[in-house]
Protein backbone atom coordinates (compact mmCIF):
# COMPACT_ATOMS: atom_id res chain seq x y z
CA MET A 1 19.12 17.46 -29.96
CA LEU A 2 17.43 15.49 -27.16
CA THR A 3 19.04 15.35 -23.75
CA ARG A 4 18.45 12.92 -20.92
CA ARG A 5 17.01 13.98 -17.59
CA GLY A 6 19.74 13.61 -15.04
CA ALA A 7 23.22 12.58 -15.95
CA GLY A 8 24.43 10.43 -13.10
CA ASN A 9 24.62 6.75 -12.51
CA LEU A 10 22.77 5.12 -9.64
CA THR A 11 23.07 1.75 -7.96
CA ILE A 12 19.93 -0.36 -7.71
CA TYR A 13 19.61 -3.93 -6.46
CA PHE A 14 17.81 -6.72 -8.28
CA GLU A 15 17.34 -9.77 -6.09
CA GLY A 16 20.36 -8.66 -4.06
CA ARG A 17 22.63 -8.06 -7.06
CA ALA A 18 23.97 -4.53 -7.53
CA LEU A 19 23.22 -3.02 -10.95
CA MET A 20 24.05 0.30 -12.52
CA ALA A 21 21.14 2.45 -13.65
CA ARG A 22 20.92 5.87 -15.24
CA ASP A 23 19.20 8.70 -13.44
CA GLY A 24 15.90 9.40 -15.21
CA ASP A 25 15.32 5.85 -16.46
CA SER A 26 12.37 3.72 -15.43
CA VAL A 27 13.01 0.56 -13.41
CA ALA A 28 12.00 -1.51 -16.45
CA ALA A 29 14.48 0.32 -18.71
CA ALA A 30 17.25 -0.13 -16.14
CA LEU A 31 16.53 -3.85 -15.81
CA LEU A 32 16.44 -4.34 -19.58
CA ALA A 33 19.73 -2.42 -19.92
CA ASN A 34 21.21 -4.98 -17.50
CA ASN A 35 19.85 -7.94 -19.53
CA ILE A 36 17.08 -8.74 -17.04
CA VAL A 37 13.95 -9.47 -19.06
CA ALA A 38 11.66 -11.23 -16.55
CA THR A 39 10.15 -9.37 -13.60
CA ARG A 40 7.46 -11.86 -12.60
CA THR A 41 6.01 -15.31 -13.24
CA THR A 42 2.40 -16.20 -13.97
CA ALA A 43 0.16 -17.91 -11.44
CA LEU A 44 -0.88 -20.94 -13.49
CA SER A 45 2.15 -21.94 -15.54
CA ALA A 46 4.96 -20.00 -13.85
CA ALA A 47 5.81 -18.54 -17.26
CA ALA A 48 8.23 -15.62 -17.18
CA ARG A 49 6.84 -12.17 -17.92
CA GLY A 50 8.58 -8.82 -18.26
CA PRO A 51 8.35 -5.33 -19.72
CA TYR A 52 6.36 -5.29 -22.95
CA CYS A 53 4.53 -2.06 -23.76
CA MET A 54 6.72 0.28 -21.65
CA MET A 55 3.79 2.69 -21.19
CA GLY A 56 1.74 1.24 -18.34
CA ALA A 57 -0.99 -0.45 -20.36
CA CYS A 58 -0.18 -4.17 -20.21
CA PHE A 59 0.90 -4.82 -16.57
CA GLU A 60 3.43 -7.46 -17.68
CA CYS A 61 6.30 -5.66 -15.91
CA LEU A 62 4.97 -5.95 -12.36
CA ALA A 63 7.61 -6.52 -9.67
CA LYS A 64 8.22 -6.00 -5.98
CA VAL A 65 9.95 -2.65 -5.45
CA ASP A 66 11.21 -1.57 -2.04
CA GLY A 67 8.87 -4.08 -0.38
CA ARG A 68 5.76 -3.02 -2.32
CA THR A 69 4.20 -5.66 -4.60
CA GLY A 70 2.46 -5.06 -7.92
CA VAL A 71 4.62 -2.11 -8.98
CA GLN A 72 4.56 -1.23 -12.68
CA THR A 73 8.29 -1.02 -13.32
CA CYS A 74 7.83 0.79 -16.63
CA MET A 75 6.12 3.68 -14.83
CA THR A 76 8.47 3.85 -11.83
CA PRO A 77 11.65 5.95 -11.97
CA VAL A 78 14.82 4.47 -10.50
CA ARG A 79 16.15 5.82 -7.21
CA GLU A 80 19.51 5.28 -5.54
CA GLY A 81 19.53 2.06 -3.51
CA MET A 82 16.16 0.82 -4.82
CA ARG A 83 15.54 -2.89 -4.21
CA ILE A 84 13.67 -4.88 -6.85
CA GLU A 85 12.56 -8.52 -6.74
CA ARG A 86 10.65 -10.76 -9.13
CA GLU A 87 7.06 -11.55 -8.21
CA ALA A 88 5.94 -15.16 -8.30
CA GLY A 89 2.38 -16.14 -9.18
CA ALA A 90 -0.82 -14.51 -8.03
CA HIS A 91 -1.25 -12.21 -5.06
CA GLU A 92 -4.26 -11.80 -2.83
CA LEU A 93 -6.35 -8.76 -3.56
CA SER A 94 -8.06 -6.71 -0.95
CA VAL A 95 -11.77 -6.39 -1.61
CA THR A 96 -13.70 -3.28 -0.70
CA THR A 97 -17.43 -3.60 -0.18
CA TRP A 98 -19.36 -0.58 -1.32
CA THR A 99 -22.58 0.32 0.45
CA SER A 100 -25.07 3.01 -0.31
CA THR A 101 -26.42 5.23 2.42
């Protein structure tokens, strides 16, 4: 018999709305359990995107979590009081210039 990690319920917030989540679930699983399927929109068409592969390979589940953008919600465990927001469009990337010595 399989058992879940943790047994308690947590409260997380999606765009200011309180949601129940289960301890041990990923953010993506908690959102899907609360009927939230879109975590971001695309840059060109503003099409809704959300959790797809649930294993960190596709990057469709990106969202803003506790003020940090570009978080893979399928790979991030829920924590009490966590704040999640949808991401809209593209974000600027920081570019590092590599030099050889």
